[in-house]
């Protein structure tokens, strides 16, 4: 069995390496565009619910905060999700 796998890999090394690269790219894209933004939104929502003092102080110091609802938007900008 090990012999067959070894022979298969020797004959199809390009196809196997291309498949591995494609899988890595798909996982990276999923992480960057789906997983990461959802985790940032979740973190910001938790901070808003706790009224995180550090986040509130950062928002006030940056003079971006105009209303209480802007804290969530500030949190998203702080983590690089919004511009």
Protein backbone atom coordinates (compact mmCIF):
# COMPACT_ATOMS: atom_id res chain seq x y z
CA UNK A 1 0.00 0.00 0.00
CA UNK A 2 2.81 2.41 0.89
CA UNK A 3 4.48 1.52 -2.40
CA UNK A 4 1.37 2.51 -4.37
CA UNK A 5 1.10 5.84 -2.57
CA UNK A 6 4.79 6.52 -3.14
CA UNK A 7 4.51 5.72 -6.85
CA UNK A 8 1.35 7.83 -7.16
CA UNK A 9 3.02 10.83 -5.54
CA UNK A 10 6.11 10.46 -7.73
CA UNK A 11 4.04 10.38 -10.90
CA UNK A 12 1.53 13.08 -9.91
CA UNK A 13 3.58 15.42 -7.74
CA UNK A 14 2.47 18.47 -9.74
CA UNK A 15 -1.24 17.67 -9.41
CA UNK A 16 -0.91 16.93 -5.68
CA UNK A 17 1.04 20.11 -4.97
CA UNK A 18 -1.43 22.17 -7.04
CA UNK A 19 -4.33 20.66 -5.09
CA UNK A 20 -2.65 21.50 -1.79
CA UNK A 21 -2.03 25.09 -2.92
CA UNK A 22 -5.67 25.48 -4.02
CA UNK A 23 -6.90 24.15 -0.67
CA UNK A 24 -4.63 26.56 1.23
CA UNK A 25 -5.87 29.51 -0.85
CA UNK A 26 -9.53 28.57 -0.31
CA UNK A 27 -9.00 28.23 3.44
CA UNK A 28 -7.16 31.57 3.54
CA UNK A 29 -9.90 33.37 1.63
CA UNK A 30 -12.58 31.86 3.87
CA UNK A 31 -10.66 32.97 6.96
CA UNK A 32 -10.05 36.52 5.73
CA UNK A 33 -13.51 37.27 4.34
CA UNK A 34 -15.81 35.18 6.56
CA UNK A 35 -14.28 34.01 9.83
CA UNK A 36 -12.22 37.09 10.76
CA UNK A 37 -14.98 39.71 10.18
CA UNK A 38 -17.48 37.61 12.12
CA UNK A 39 -15.09 37.31 15.05
CA UNK A 40 -14.43 41.07 15.01
CA UNK A 41 -18.16 41.84 14.97
CA UNK A 42 -18.71 39.38 17.80
CA UNK A 43 -15.92 40.96 19.85
CA UNK A 44 -17.24 44.47 19.25
CA UNK A 45 -20.77 43.43 20.18
CA UNK A 46 -19.51 41.89 23.42
CA UNK A 47 -17.56 45.07 24.19
CA UNK A 48 -20.64 47.20 23.57
CA UNK A 49 -22.70 44.99 25.85
CA UNK A 50 -20.08 45.31 28.60
CA UNK A 51 -19.55 49.01 27.82
CA UNK A 52 -15.82 48.44 27.78
CA UNK A 53 -14.16 51.44 29.44
CA UNK A 54 -10.96 51.10 27.43
CA UNK A 55 -12.86 51.19 24.14
CA UNK A 56 -14.95 54.15 25.30
CA UNK A 57 -11.85 56.08 26.40
CA UNK A 58 -10.14 55.36 23.08
CA UNK A 59 -13.19 56.59 21.20
CA UNK A 60 -13.41 59.76 23.24
CA UNK A 61 -9.69 60.48 22.87
CA UNK A 62 -9.88 60.12 19.10
CA UNK A 63 -12.82 62.57 19.02
CA UNK A 64 -14.66 60.28 16.60
CA UNK A 65 -17.38 59.46 19.09
CA UNK A 66 -20.43 61.66 18.58
CA UNK A 67 -23.21 59.49 19.93
CA UNK A 68 -23.51 56.32 21.98
CA UNK A 69 -24.28 54.32 18.82
CA UNK A 70 -20.94 55.25 17.30
CA UNK A 71 -19.02 53.07 19.74
CA UNK A 72 -19.78 49.94 17.70
CA UNK A 73 -18.61 51.63 14.50
CA UNK A 74 -15.48 52.88 16.26
CA UNK A 75 -14.74 49.33 17.44
CA UNK A 76 -15.08 48.00 13.89
CA UNK A 77 -12.70 50.70 12.62
CA UNK A 78 -10.25 49.98 15.44
CA UNK A 79 -9.98 46.33 14.34
CA UNK A 80 -9.72 47.28 10.67
CA UNK A 81 -13.12 46.10 9.49
CA UNK A 82 -14.54 49.50 8.54
CA UNK A 83 -12.91 52.60 7.12
